[in-house]
N, C-alpha and C. Protein backbone atom coordinates (compact mmCIF):
# COMPACT_ATOMS: atom_id res chain seq x y z
N MET A 1 23.95 -15.44 18.36
CA MET A 1 23.97 -13.98 18.08
C MET A 1 22.93 -13.79 16.59
N ASN A 2 21.88 -13.06 16.38
CA ASN A 2 21.01 -12.95 15.49
C ASN A 2 22.21 -12.22 14.47
N PRO A 3 22.19 -12.55 13.04
CA PRO A 3 22.80 -11.79 12.02
C PRO A 3 22.20 -10.86 11.88
N LEU A 4 23.10 -9.41 11.57
CA LEU A 4 22.27 -8.11 11.25
C LEU A 4 22.55 -7.73 9.69
N ASN A 5 21.63 -7.67 8.81
CA ASN A 5 21.84 -7.09 7.59
C ASN A 5 21.27 -5.93 7.00
N HIS A 6 20.19 -5.38 7.85
CA HIS A 6 19.12 -4.64 7.24
C HIS A 6 18.72 -4.02 8.60
N VAL A 7 18.80 -2.64 8.79
CA VAL A 7 17.75 -1.55 9.31
C VAL A 7 17.61 -0.62 8.57
N ALA A 8 15.91 -0.64 9.21
CA ALA A 8 15.39 0.48 8.62
C ALA A 8 15.02 1.50 9.59
N ILE A 9 14.71 2.55 9.24
CA ILE A 9 14.45 3.80 10.20
C ILE A 9 13.44 4.75 10.12
N ILE A 10 12.65 5.34 10.79
CA ILE A 10 11.26 6.28 10.68
C ILE A 10 12.21 7.30 11.65
N MET A 11 12.75 8.56 10.90
CA MET A 11 13.54 9.24 11.44
C MET A 11 12.43 10.72 11.85
N ASP A 12 11.59 10.23 13.04
CA ASP A 12 10.66 10.75 13.37
C ASP A 12 10.97 12.00 14.33
N GLY A 13 10.34 13.32 14.29
CA GLY A 13 10.69 14.16 15.73
C GLY A 13 11.30 15.25 15.08
N ASN A 14 12.22 15.55 13.96
CA ASN A 14 12.75 16.60 13.84
C ASN A 14 11.94 17.81 13.52
N GLY A 15 10.69 18.17 13.54
CA GLY A 15 10.07 19.02 13.12
C GLY A 15 9.94 19.41 14.84
N ARG A 16 9.41 18.73 15.79
CA ARG A 16 9.18 19.12 17.02
C ARG A 16 10.51 19.41 17.54
N TRP A 17 11.78 18.77 17.41
CA TRP A 17 12.75 19.11 18.10
C TRP A 17 13.41 20.76 17.32
N GLY A 18 12.91 21.18 16.28
CA GLY A 18 13.33 22.32 16.07
C GLY A 18 12.43 23.28 16.28
N LEU A 19 11.01 23.27 16.84
CA LEU A 19 10.22 24.13 17.48
C LEU A 19 10.45 24.17 18.91
N LYS A 20 11.08 23.16 19.46
CA LYS A 20 11.19 23.09 21.17
C LYS A 20 12.48 24.08 20.90
N TYR A 21 13.50 23.48 20.44
CA TYR A 21 14.89 24.19 20.50
C TYR A 21 15.47 25.45 19.92
N LYS A 22 14.52 25.54 18.54
CA LYS A 22 15.13 26.80 17.49
C LYS A 22 13.84 27.45 16.98
N SER A 23 12.70 26.96 17.47
CA SER A 23 11.60 27.90 17.07
C SER A 23 11.59 27.90 15.90
N SER A 24 11.78 26.52 14.93
CA SER A 24 11.49 26.62 13.74
C SER A 24 11.62 25.04 13.34
N ARG A 25 10.82 24.57 12.45
CA ARG A 25 10.78 23.24 11.95
C ARG A 25 11.68 23.21 11.24
N ASN A 26 12.11 23.78 10.55
CA ASN A 26 13.33 24.18 9.50
C ASN A 26 14.99 23.48 10.20
N GLU A 27 14.76 23.91 11.36
CA GLU A 27 16.02 24.05 12.00
C GLU A 27 16.22 22.51 12.34
N GLY A 28 15.00 22.27 12.86
CA GLY A 28 14.88 20.38 13.39
C GLY A 28 15.40 19.58 12.10
N HIS A 29 14.88 19.89 10.69
CA HIS A 29 15.15 18.87 9.51
C HIS A 29 16.53 19.14 9.22
N LYS A 30 17.16 20.32 9.14
CA LYS A 30 18.49 20.69 9.27
C LYS A 30 19.47 19.92 10.47
N ALA A 31 19.35 19.69 11.42
CA ALA A 31 19.54 18.61 12.66
C ALA A 31 19.23 17.34 12.07
N GLY A 32 18.78 17.22 11.70
CA GLY A 32 18.38 15.93 11.73
C GLY A 32 19.35 15.27 10.52
N LEU A 33 19.82 15.78 9.83
CA LEU A 33 20.42 15.45 8.64
C LEU A 33 21.88 15.02 9.11
N THR A 34 22.37 16.13 10.26
CA THR A 34 23.50 15.70 11.05
C THR A 34 23.41 14.22 11.55
N THR A 35 22.28 14.04 12.40
CA THR A 35 22.06 12.36 12.72
C THR A 35 22.48 11.44 11.93
N VAL A 36 21.94 11.69 10.76
CA VAL A 36 21.79 10.71 9.35
C VAL A 36 22.90 10.35 8.99
N GLU A 37 24.10 11.35 9.17
CA GLU A 37 25.55 10.95 8.99
C GLU A 37 25.95 10.12 10.00
N LYS A 38 25.69 10.62 10.90
CA LYS A 38 26.59 9.77 12.22
C LYS A 38 25.87 8.35 12.29
N ILE A 39 24.82 7.98 11.78
CA ILE A 39 24.02 7.03 12.09
C ILE A 39 24.85 5.98 10.39
N ILE A 40 24.79 6.56 9.29
CA ILE A 40 25.42 5.94 8.46
C ILE A 40 26.75 5.70 8.64
N LYS A 41 27.37 6.38 9.36
CA LYS A 41 28.75 5.98 9.87
C LYS A 41 28.73 4.76 11.00
N GLU A 42 28.06 4.82 11.97
CA GLU A 42 27.97 3.47 12.72
C GLU A 42 27.68 2.52 12.00
N THR A 43 26.34 2.89 11.07
CA THR A 43 26.50 1.28 10.25
C THR A 43 27.16 0.76 9.47
N ILE A 44 28.08 1.63 9.27
CA ILE A 44 29.25 1.01 8.48
C ILE A 44 30.05 0.32 9.62
N LYS A 45 30.64 0.97 10.41
CA LYS A 45 30.83 0.45 11.50
C LYS A 45 30.84 -0.88 12.29
N GLN A 46 29.83 -0.93 12.15
CA GLN A 46 28.71 -2.35 12.46
C GLN A 46 28.75 -3.41 11.63
N LYS A 47 29.27 -2.88 10.31
CA LYS A 47 29.18 -3.85 9.30
C LYS A 47 27.83 -4.49 8.66
N ILE A 48 26.93 -3.30 8.72
CA ILE A 48 25.53 -3.38 8.29
C ILE A 48 25.41 -3.24 6.66
N ARG A 49 24.99 -3.90 5.71
CA ARG A 49 25.17 -4.11 4.55
C ARG A 49 23.51 -3.04 4.26
N TYR A 50 22.69 -2.71 4.80
CA TYR A 50 21.44 -1.85 3.91
C TYR A 50 21.09 -1.47 5.09
N LEU A 51 20.58 -0.24 4.82
CA LEU A 51 19.93 0.97 5.95
C LEU A 51 19.00 1.47 4.73
N SER A 52 17.65 1.33 5.33
CA SER A 52 16.68 2.37 4.92
C SER A 52 15.82 3.33 5.24
N LEU A 53 15.96 4.47 4.96
CA LEU A 53 15.48 5.65 5.88
C LEU A 53 14.51 6.20 5.22
N TYR A 54 13.14 6.71 5.94
CA TYR A 54 12.29 7.18 5.78
C TYR A 54 12.11 8.47 5.91
N ALA A 55 12.38 9.13 4.46
CA ALA A 55 12.74 10.84 4.46
C ALA A 55 11.29 11.33 4.04
N PHE A 56 10.80 11.00 3.53
CA PHE A 56 9.58 11.61 2.73
C PHE A 56 8.22 10.70 2.31
N SER A 57 7.17 10.84 3.02
CA SER A 57 6.22 9.94 2.65
C SER A 57 5.34 10.59 1.73
N THR A 58 4.38 9.94 1.05
CA THR A 58 3.39 10.16 0.56
C THR A 58 2.32 11.43 0.76
N GLU A 59 2.53 11.18 2.05
CA GLU A 59 1.71 12.05 3.02
C GLU A 59 2.10 13.31 3.31
N ASN A 60 3.42 13.27 3.09
CA ASN A 60 4.14 14.43 3.73
C ASN A 60 3.88 15.83 2.57
N TRP A 61 3.08 15.31 1.74
CA TRP A 61 3.13 16.50 0.50
C TRP A 61 1.50 17.69 1.31
N LYS A 62 1.28 17.00 2.25
CA LYS A 62 -0.10 18.01 3.17
C LYS A 62 0.63 18.91 3.89
N ARG A 63 2.26 18.64 4.24
CA ARG A 63 2.73 19.77 5.07
C ARG A 63 2.59 21.33 4.20
N PRO A 64 3.29 22.47 5.29
CA PRO A 64 3.09 23.61 4.43
C PRO A 64 4.07 23.83 2.94
N LYS A 65 4.10 24.07 2.32
CA LYS A 65 4.69 24.00 1.10
C LYS A 65 6.11 24.62 1.25
N ARG A 66 6.21 25.77 2.25
CA ARG A 66 7.33 26.26 2.34
C ARG A 66 8.39 25.39 3.44
N GLU A 67 7.79 24.53 4.25
CA GLU A 67 8.37 23.58 4.73
C GLU A 67 8.95 22.48 3.94
N ILE A 68 8.10 22.08 3.15
CA ILE A 68 8.40 21.03 1.85
C ILE A 68 9.67 21.63 0.86
N ASN A 69 9.40 23.29 0.45
CA ASN A 69 10.46 23.49 -0.37
C ASN A 69 11.99 23.40 0.34
N TYR A 70 11.95 23.94 1.58
CA TYR A 70 12.82 23.55 2.32
C TYR A 70 13.87 22.23 2.60
N LEU A 71 13.16 21.46 2.80
CA LEU A 71 13.22 20.06 3.01
C LEU A 71 13.99 19.63 1.61
N PHE A 72 13.32 19.78 0.08
CA PHE A 72 14.20 19.47 -1.16
C PHE A 72 15.28 20.32 -1.36
N LYS A 73 15.44 21.80 -0.67
CA LYS A 73 16.52 22.54 -1.15
C LYS A 73 17.86 21.57 0.10
N LEU A 74 17.33 21.18 1.29
CA LEU A 74 18.28 20.50 2.27
C LEU A 74 18.77 19.27 1.47
N LEU A 75 18.04 18.63 0.74
CA LEU A 75 18.49 17.17 0.59
C LEU A 75 19.07 17.67 -0.97
N GLU A 76 19.07 18.63 -1.40
CA GLU A 76 19.74 19.09 -2.75
C GLU A 76 21.06 19.17 -2.03
N ASN A 77 21.13 20.26 -1.69
CA ASN A 77 22.50 20.63 -1.25
C ASN A 77 23.52 19.48 -0.46
N PHE A 78 22.77 18.66 0.39
CA PHE A 78 23.16 17.55 0.83
C PHE A 78 23.78 16.34 -0.71
N LEU A 79 23.19 16.41 -1.22
CA LEU A 79 23.53 15.35 -2.63
C LEU A 79 24.79 16.15 -3.25
N LEU A 80 24.64 17.55 -3.61
CA LEU A 80 25.59 18.17 -3.81
C LEU A 80 27.06 18.35 -3.52
N ASN A 81 27.20 18.25 -1.57
CA ASN A 81 28.09 18.29 -1.26
C ASN A 81 28.60 17.06 -0.64
N LYS A 82 27.85 16.20 -0.59
CA LYS A 82 28.12 14.87 0.13
C LYS A 82 28.41 13.75 -0.95
N ILE A 83 27.69 13.93 -2.09
CA ILE A 83 27.61 12.28 -2.99
C ILE A 83 28.93 11.76 -3.16
N ASP A 84 30.52 13.05 -3.53
CA ASP A 84 31.51 12.06 -3.58
C ASP A 84 32.24 11.68 -2.67
N ASP A 85 31.38 12.18 -1.05
CA ASP A 85 32.05 11.52 0.05
C ASP A 85 31.63 10.20 0.16
N LEU A 86 30.15 9.97 -0.17
CA LEU A 86 29.62 8.81 -0.17
C LEU A 86 30.01 7.99 -0.84
N HIS A 87 30.43 8.40 -2.03
CA HIS A 87 31.21 7.59 -3.53
C HIS A 87 32.45 7.02 -2.90
N LYS A 88 33.10 7.70 -2.02
CA LYS A 88 34.59 7.38 -1.63
C LYS A 88 34.37 6.49 -0.85
N LYS A 89 33.44 6.19 -0.14
CA LYS A 89 33.14 5.74 1.37
C LYS A 89 32.29 4.07 0.89
N ASN A 90 32.34 4.08 -0.66
CA ASN A 90 31.73 2.87 -1.17
C ASN A 90 30.60 2.64 -0.74
N ILE A 91 29.48 3.82 -0.53
CA ILE A 91 28.31 3.49 -0.36
C ILE A 91 27.41 3.58 -1.38
N LYS A 92 26.25 3.08 -1.78
CA LYS A 92 25.54 3.13 -2.92
C LYS A 92 24.29 3.71 -2.09
N LEU A 93 23.82 4.65 -3.32
CA LEU A 93 22.22 4.95 -2.73
C LEU A 93 21.28 4.85 -3.87
N LYS A 94 19.82 4.13 -3.15
CA LYS A 94 18.86 3.86 -3.84
C LYS A 94 17.94 4.53 -3.58
N ILE A 95 16.84 5.09 -4.24
CA ILE A 95 15.81 5.94 -4.18
C ILE A 95 14.93 4.82 -4.19
N ILE A 96 14.00 4.79 -3.21
CA ILE A 96 12.96 4.04 -3.29
C ILE A 96 11.35 5.41 -2.60
N GLY A 97 10.42 4.96 -4.06
CA GLY A 97 9.38 5.87 -3.71
C GLY A 97 9.03 6.18 -5.34
N ILE A 98 8.14 7.43 -5.51
CA ILE A 98 8.03 8.09 -6.78
C ILE A 98 8.83 9.26 -7.00
N LYS A 99 9.78 8.92 -7.71
CA LYS A 99 10.64 10.54 -8.25
C LYS A 99 9.83 11.54 -9.01
N LYS A 100 8.96 12.50 -8.46
CA LYS A 100 8.08 13.46 -8.85
C LYS A 100 8.56 14.50 -7.83
N PHE A 101 9.46 15.23 -8.54
CA PHE A 101 10.37 16.07 -7.46
C PHE A 101 10.67 17.17 -8.49
N PRO A 102 10.69 18.44 -7.91
CA PRO A 102 11.51 19.90 -8.94
C PRO A 102 12.64 18.83 -9.70
N THR A 103 12.87 19.49 -10.98
CA THR A 103 13.72 18.92 -12.02
C THR A 103 14.78 18.77 -11.60
N LYS A 104 15.41 19.96 -10.77
CA LYS A 104 17.19 19.94 -10.33
C LYS A 104 17.38 18.87 -9.65
N LEU A 105 16.27 18.53 -8.41
CA LEU A 105 16.23 17.38 -7.41
C LEU A 105 16.05 16.25 -7.89
N ASN A 106 15.31 16.06 -9.23
CA ASN A 106 15.21 14.68 -9.67
C ASN A 106 16.32 14.17 -10.66
N LYS A 107 17.08 15.34 -11.00
CA LYS A 107 18.51 14.90 -11.62
C LYS A 107 19.60 14.63 -10.87
N LEU A 108 19.55 15.32 -9.65
CA LEU A 108 20.32 15.02 -8.45
C LEU A 108 20.64 13.77 -8.34
N LEU A 109 19.21 13.07 -7.94
CA LEU A 109 18.86 11.74 -7.13
C LEU A 109 19.35 10.73 -8.43
N THR A 110 19.04 11.08 -9.39
CA THR A 110 19.33 9.91 -10.54
C THR A 110 20.97 10.27 -11.08
N LEU A 111 21.69 11.42 -10.79
CA LEU A 111 22.82 11.35 -10.96
C LEU A 111 23.74 10.34 -9.72
N ALA A 112 23.24 10.56 -8.53
CA ALA A 112 23.40 10.16 -7.26
C ALA A 112 23.67 8.72 -7.36
N GLU A 113 22.27 7.89 -7.78
CA GLU A 113 22.21 6.65 -8.08
C GLU A 113 23.01 6.00 -9.08
N LYS A 114 23.33 6.54 -10.05
CA LYS A 114 24.20 6.36 -11.09
C LYS A 114 25.20 6.02 -10.62
N LYS A 115 25.86 7.24 -10.11
CA LYS A 115 27.84 7.35 -9.65
C LYS A 115 28.11 6.40 -8.39
N THR A 116 27.07 6.09 -7.89
CA THR A 116 27.10 4.99 -6.77
C THR A 116 26.91 3.91 -7.03
N SER A 117 25.98 3.42 -7.90
CA SER A 117 25.47 1.97 -8.09
C SER A 117 26.48 0.55 -8.18
N LYS A 118 27.80 1.07 -8.30
CA LYS A 118 28.30 0.05 -8.40
C LYS A 118 28.96 -0.35 -6.84
N ASN A 119 28.96 0.54 -5.98
CA ASN A 119 29.27 0.26 -4.67
C ASN A 119 28.72 -1.02 -3.75
N SER A 120 29.45 -1.19 -2.67
CA SER A 120 29.46 -2.47 -2.36
C SER A 120 29.08 -2.13 -0.83
N LYS A 121 30.01 -1.76 -0.30
CA LYS A 121 29.95 -1.47 1.66
C LYS A 121 28.66 -1.24 2.42
N LEU A 122 27.75 -0.24 1.52
CA LEU A 122 26.66 -0.04 2.43
C LEU A 122 25.57 0.53 1.24
N GLN A 123 24.26 -0.14 1.28
CA GLN A 123 23.27 0.46 0.49
C GLN A 123 22.29 1.09 1.09
N VAL A 124 22.26 2.47 1.10
CA VAL A 124 21.09 3.32 1.77
C VAL A 124 20.01 3.76 0.58
N ASN A 125 18.90 2.70 0.87
CA ASN A 125 17.57 3.18 0.43
C ASN A 125 16.81 4.30 1.00
N LEU A 126 17.01 5.33 0.44
CA LEU A 126 16.39 6.92 0.69
C LEU A 126 14.97 6.61 0.44
N ALA A 127 14.08 6.61 1.23
CA ALA A 127 12.42 6.23 0.57
C ALA A 127 11.89 7.95 0.58
N LEU A 128 11.75 8.37 -0.27
CA LEU A 128 10.94 9.52 -1.19
C LEU A 128 9.99 9.44 -1.48
N ASN A 129 9.03 10.25 -1.21
CA ASN A 129 7.70 10.18 -1.93
C ASN A 129 7.13 8.94 -1.86
N TYR A 130 7.57 8.06 -0.55
CA TYR A 130 7.30 6.69 -0.59
C TYR A 130 6.06 6.43 0.18
N GLY A 131 4.93 5.38 -0.23
CA GLY A 131 3.93 5.11 0.52
C GLY A 131 3.79 3.64 0.34
N SER A 132 3.64 2.73 1.19
CA SER A 132 3.84 1.03 1.32
C SER A 132 2.62 0.73 0.41
N LYS A 133 1.53 1.37 0.85
CA LYS A 133 0.07 0.84 0.10
C LYS A 133 0.69 1.01 -1.41
N TYR A 134 1.02 2.15 -1.40
CA TYR A 134 0.98 2.44 -3.42
C TYR A 134 1.95 1.53 -3.71
N GLU A 135 2.98 0.95 -3.07
CA GLU A 135 4.09 0.30 -3.75
C GLU A 135 3.24 -0.93 -3.74
N LEU A 136 2.56 -1.59 -2.84
CA LEU A 136 2.00 -2.81 -3.10
C LEU A 136 0.95 -2.81 -4.03
N ILE A 137 -0.09 -2.13 -4.41
CA ILE A 137 -0.99 -2.28 -5.27
C ILE A 137 -0.07 -2.24 -6.68
N ASP A 138 1.19 -1.20 -6.63
CA ASP A 138 1.65 -1.39 -7.96
C ASP A 138 2.24 -2.48 -8.51
N ALA A 139 2.88 -2.85 -7.13
CA ALA A 139 3.47 -4.66 -7.46
C ALA A 139 2.46 -5.37 -8.26
N PHE A 140 1.40 -5.36 -7.27
CA PHE A 140 0.18 -6.18 -7.73
C PHE A 140 -0.61 -6.22 -9.30
N LYS A 141 -0.37 -5.03 -9.70
CA LYS A 141 -0.72 -4.52 -10.94
C LYS A 141 0.24 -5.10 -12.00
N LYS A 142 1.71 -4.86 -11.59
CA LYS A 142 2.79 -5.11 -12.53
C LYS A 142 3.05 -6.87 -12.68
N LEU A 143 2.73 -7.72 -11.08
CA LEU A 143 2.55 -9.20 -11.66
C LEU A 143 1.32 -9.44 -12.69
N HIS A 144 0.44 -9.04 -12.10
CA HIS A 144 -0.80 -9.40 -13.28
C HIS A 144 -0.82 -9.36 -14.87
N LYS A 145 0.09 -8.23 -15.04
CA LYS A 145 0.34 -7.69 -15.99
C LYS A 145 1.39 -8.56 -16.83
N SER A 146 2.22 -9.37 -15.94
CA SER A 146 3.45 -9.90 -16.21
C SER A 146 2.89 -11.51 -16.61
N LYS A 147 1.73 -11.46 -16.44
CA LYS A 147 1.24 -13.31 -16.48
C LYS A 147 1.79 -14.29 -15.56
N MET A 148 2.80 -13.64 -14.41
CA MET A 148 3.32 -14.78 -13.81
C MET A 148 2.34 -15.34 -12.84
N THR A 149 3.00 -16.32 -12.04
CA THR A 149 2.04 -16.93 -11.25
C THR A 149 1.90 -15.97 -10.15
N ILE A 150 0.98 -15.85 -9.74
CA ILE A 150 0.51 -15.04 -8.38
C ILE A 150 1.13 -16.03 -6.88
N ASN A 151 1.95 -15.46 -6.63
CA ASN A 151 2.44 -16.16 -5.00
C ASN A 151 3.78 -15.35 -4.55
N GLU A 152 3.92 -15.47 -3.40
CA GLU A 152 4.99 -14.48 -2.55
C GLU A 152 6.00 -14.33 -3.23
N LYS A 153 6.62 -15.52 -3.99
CA LYS A 153 8.39 -15.29 -4.60
C LYS A 153 8.35 -14.34 -5.75
N ASN A 154 6.95 -14.64 -6.75
CA ASN A 154 7.19 -13.74 -7.78
C ASN A 154 6.46 -12.24 -7.35
N PHE A 155 5.75 -12.04 -6.58
CA PHE A 155 5.04 -10.69 -5.82
C PHE A 155 6.10 -9.99 -5.50
N ILE A 156 7.35 -10.46 -4.67
CA ILE A 156 8.68 -9.85 -4.10
C ILE A 156 9.27 -8.96 -5.77
N LYS A 157 9.64 -10.24 -6.43
CA LYS A 157 10.32 -9.11 -7.62
C LYS A 157 9.92 -7.95 -8.15
N PHE A 158 9.08 -7.45 -7.56
CA PHE A 158 8.01 -6.33 -8.35
C PHE A 158 7.90 -5.03 -7.12
N LEU A 159 8.71 -5.12 -5.95
CA LEU A 159 8.61 -4.82 -4.82
C LEU A 159 9.88 -3.59 -5.14
N GLN A 160 9.95 -2.42 -4.85
CA GLN A 160 10.89 -1.57 -4.71
C GLN A 160 12.19 -1.87 -4.19
N THR A 161 12.40 -2.89 -2.93
CA THR A 161 13.25 -3.43 -2.79
C THR A 161 13.58 -4.71 -2.48
N ASN A 162 13.05 -5.19 -4.14
CA ASN A 162 13.18 -6.62 -4.74
C ASN A 162 14.77 -6.97 -4.58
N SER A 163 15.69 -6.19 -4.52
CA SER A 163 17.45 -6.86 -4.34
C SER A 163 17.72 -6.86 -2.97
N VAL A 164 17.04 -6.44 -1.88
CA VAL A 164 17.72 -6.51 -0.37
C VAL A 164 16.93 -7.48 0.53
N PRO A 165 17.40 -7.78 1.23
CA PRO A 165 17.10 -8.61 2.23
C PRO A 165 15.54 -8.00 2.82
N ASP A 166 14.62 -8.40 3.74
CA ASP A 166 13.80 -7.61 4.37
C ASP A 166 14.40 -7.22 6.09
N PRO A 167 14.06 -5.80 6.34
CA PRO A 167 14.89 -5.31 7.49
C PRO A 167 14.62 -5.97 8.71
N ASP A 168 15.68 -6.52 9.15
CA ASP A 168 15.95 -7.25 10.17
C ASP A 168 15.61 -6.39 11.76
N ILE A 169 15.43 -5.01 11.36
CA ILE A 169 15.01 -4.18 12.50
C ILE A 169 14.64 -2.79 11.95
N LEU A 170 13.11 -2.57 12.47
CA LEU A 170 13.04 -1.15 12.51
C LEU A 170 12.92 -0.61 14.10
N ILE A 171 13.42 1.06 13.74
CA ILE A 171 13.47 1.77 14.71
C ILE A 171 12.54 2.84 14.48
N ARG A 172 11.97 3.26 15.43
CA ARG A 172 11.42 4.69 15.31
C ARG A 172 11.35 5.42 15.92
N THR A 173 12.01 6.61 15.81
CA THR A 173 12.44 7.91 17.09
C THR A 173 11.00 8.74 17.31
N GLY A 174 10.92 9.71 18.27
CA GLY A 174 10.18 10.62 18.43
C GLY A 174 8.88 10.11 19.15
N ASN A 175 8.97 8.90 20.08
CA ASN A 175 8.25 8.48 20.72
C ASN A 175 6.58 8.20 20.29
N THR A 176 6.52 7.95 18.84
CA THR A 176 5.17 7.55 18.32
C THR A 176 5.48 6.03 18.15
N ARG A 177 4.47 5.38 18.12
CA ARG A 177 3.94 3.99 17.84
C ARG A 177 3.41 3.39 16.99
N ARG A 178 3.92 3.90 15.73
CA ARG A 178 2.89 3.33 14.29
C ARG A 178 3.87 2.82 13.17
N LEU A 179 3.98 2.43 12.11
CA LEU A 179 4.54 2.25 11.02
C LEU A 179 4.27 3.66 9.91
N SER A 180 3.39 4.24 10.02
CA SER A 180 3.20 4.95 8.70
C SER A 180 3.16 4.37 7.50
N ASN A 181 2.68 3.88 7.01
CA ASN A 181 2.86 3.43 5.79
C ASN A 181 4.15 3.04 5.45
N PHE A 182 5.15 2.79 6.11
CA PHE A 182 6.52 2.42 5.40
C PHE A 182 6.77 0.50 5.51
N LEU A 183 7.18 0.49 4.24
CA LEU A 183 7.36 -0.84 4.08
C LEU A 183 6.63 -1.97 4.60
N LEU A 184 5.18 -1.93 4.73
CA LEU A 184 4.27 -2.95 5.31
C LEU A 184 4.75 -4.21 4.97
N TRP A 185 5.14 -4.71 3.66
CA TRP A 185 5.15 -5.95 3.61
C TRP A 185 6.43 -6.27 4.02
N GLN A 186 7.74 -5.78 4.04
CA GLN A 186 8.90 -6.21 4.21
C GLN A 186 9.11 -5.88 5.84
N LEU A 187 8.20 -5.47 6.16
CA LEU A 187 8.49 -5.25 8.15
C LEU A 187 8.03 -6.72 8.83
N ALA A 188 6.97 -7.44 7.75
CA ALA A 188 6.44 -8.64 8.44
C ALA A 188 6.96 -9.23 9.95
N TYR A 189 8.21 -9.97 9.71
CA TYR A 189 9.14 -10.32 11.08
C TYR A 189 10.31 -9.52 11.49
N SER A 190 10.06 -7.94 11.40
CA SER A 190 11.12 -7.60 11.69
C SER A 190 10.98 -7.01 13.45
N GLU A 191 12.01 -7.04 13.82
CA GLU A 191 11.90 -6.57 15.53
C GLU A 191 11.83 -4.93 15.57
N ILE A 192 10.90 -4.69 16.25
CA ILE A 192 10.23 -3.24 16.11
C ILE A 192 10.99 -2.31 17.47
N PHE A 193 11.73 -1.48 17.61
CA PHE A 193 12.12 -0.60 18.61
C PHE A 193 11.62 1.04 18.20
N PHE A 194 10.59 1.43 19.42
CA PHE A 194 9.93 2.38 19.44
C PHE A 194 11.40 3.42 20.52
N GLU A 195 11.60 4.42 20.10
CA GLU A 195 12.66 5.23 20.65
C GLU A 195 12.01 6.52 21.10
N LYS A 196 12.21 6.96 22.40
CA LYS A 196 11.41 8.02 23.16
C LYS A 196 12.18 9.27 22.37
N LYS A 197 13.66 9.28 22.08
CA LYS A 197 13.75 10.53 21.97
C LYS A 197 13.49 11.12 20.30
N LEU A 198 13.98 12.20 20.16
CA LEU A 198 13.33 12.72 18.74
C LEU A 198 14.67 12.50 18.06
N TRP A 199 14.26 12.24 16.43
CA TRP A 199 15.48 12.22 15.59
C TRP A 199 16.68 12.54 15.91
N PRO A 200 16.89 14.27 16.02
CA PRO A 200 18.25 14.97 16.33
C PRO A 200 18.84 14.42 17.53
N ASP A 201 17.95 13.95 18.35
CA ASP A 201 18.55 13.83 19.72
C ASP A 201 19.19 12.23 19.41
N PHE A 202 18.73 11.42 18.64
CA PHE A 202 19.29 10.16 18.75
C PHE A 202 20.75 10.15 18.33
N ASN A 203 21.46 8.98 18.75
CA ASN A 203 22.90 9.22 18.62
C ASN A 203 23.49 7.98 18.66
N GLN A 204 24.49 7.64 17.91
CA GLN A 204 25.24 6.20 17.94
C GLN A 204 25.29 5.38 19.28
N LYS A 205 25.22 5.76 20.49
CA LYS A 205 25.14 4.95 21.54
C LYS A 205 23.84 4.48 21.98
N ASP A 206 22.61 4.96 21.57
CA ASP A 206 21.16 4.68 21.43
C ASP A 206 21.09 3.60 20.16
N TYR A 207 21.97 3.93 19.39
CA TYR A 207 21.52 2.93 18.06
C TYR A 207 22.53 1.63 18.45
N ARG A 208 23.84 1.65 19.16
CA ARG A 208 24.42 0.35 19.54
C ARG A 208 23.74 -0.58 20.40
N LYS A 209 23.04 0.32 21.57
CA LYS A 209 21.88 -0.21 22.46
C LYS A 209 20.55 -1.05 21.94
N ILE A 210 20.39 -0.61 20.64
CA ILE A 210 19.55 -1.45 19.87
C ILE A 210 20.08 -2.64 19.35
N ILE A 211 21.10 -2.34 18.58
CA ILE A 211 21.94 -3.30 17.79
C ILE A 211 22.20 -4.67 18.77
N LYS A 212 22.41 -4.38 20.27
CA LYS A 212 22.75 -5.16 21.34
C LYS A 212 21.50 -6.08 21.59
N THR A 213 20.81 -5.19 21.75
CA THR A 213 19.76 -5.76 22.15
C THR A 213 19.03 -6.72 21.13
N PHE A 214 18.88 -6.60 20.10
CA PHE A 214 18.22 -7.34 18.69
C PHE A 214 19.36 -8.63 18.51
N LYS A 215 20.46 -8.26 18.98
CA LYS A 215 21.06 -9.62 18.84
C LYS A 215 21.23 -10.65 19.69
N LEU A 216 20.18 -10.32 20.87
CA LEU A 216 19.93 -11.59 21.99
C LEU A 216 18.75 -12.06 21.71
N ILE A 217 18.04 -11.36 20.99
CA ILE A 217 16.38 -11.70 20.87
C ILE A 217 16.27 -13.03 19.95
N LYS A 218 15.39 -14.11 20.71
CA LYS A 218 15.49 -15.31 20.02
C LYS A 218 14.28 -14.75 19.02
N ARG A 219 14.44 -15.40 17.91
CA ARG A 219 13.86 -14.84 16.55
C ARG A 219 13.10 -16.24 16.13
N ASN A 220 11.59 -16.33 16.37
CA ASN A 220 11.15 -17.56 15.58
C ASN A 220 10.68 -17.31 14.25
N PHE A 221 9.91 -15.94 13.67
CA PHE A 221 9.33 -15.98 12.63
C PHE A 221 8.18 -16.93 12.25
N GLY A 222 7.57 -16.53 13.26
CA GLY A 222 5.72 -17.53 13.21
C GLY A 222 6.25 -18.79 13.47
N ASN A 223 7.35 -19.41 13.87
CA ASN A 223 7.51 -20.87 14.31
C ASN A 223 7.53 -20.74 16.14
N ILE A 224 7.34 -22.15 16.30
CA ILE A 224 6.97 -21.85 17.88
C ILE A 224 8.49 -22.32 18.32
């Protein structure tokens, strides 16, 4: 059976779910947050050490300003109301991406990272204002500036995920089959699962089914 240390998820379909069931994209984002809590709980139950969630990409700034503001407010409220609970559960929160948000949200994100920095049961990498192409270019620039030898081992040191293993699994909900500029380097040998359900409809049973399938896959990592 394959060991499972790191799951990455592209949480797609919140807006479509909201329009379909509540006539509001924002309601979909709200429902999606409930799914996040369920999946975090199941991840701990499965003894998985790392969970990376694609929450807001560098391309998402093109969305309507009203929707963006709602998303940030939702995240603010989540941090204010849930960070103590995450801390008690020994969960570490790490932000990957560029922290260029409203002042209040930036402060809350920094505080949440600091408060949970020594926790060890589960590390949640929250990808906010994240784009893999930017991350790769930035890593190459830093590697070049460091005067270190340009090789894979040294390059990885400058990625935002340098302290965690690459994902074993990528799950994308929402019936869309693309990576959308998420962890392009890190996903090189990940097993990819495209799920038809929209993110708010994705549940623990769906998650467990994917984990079970993954554990039975023969992984070659480029070898015959």
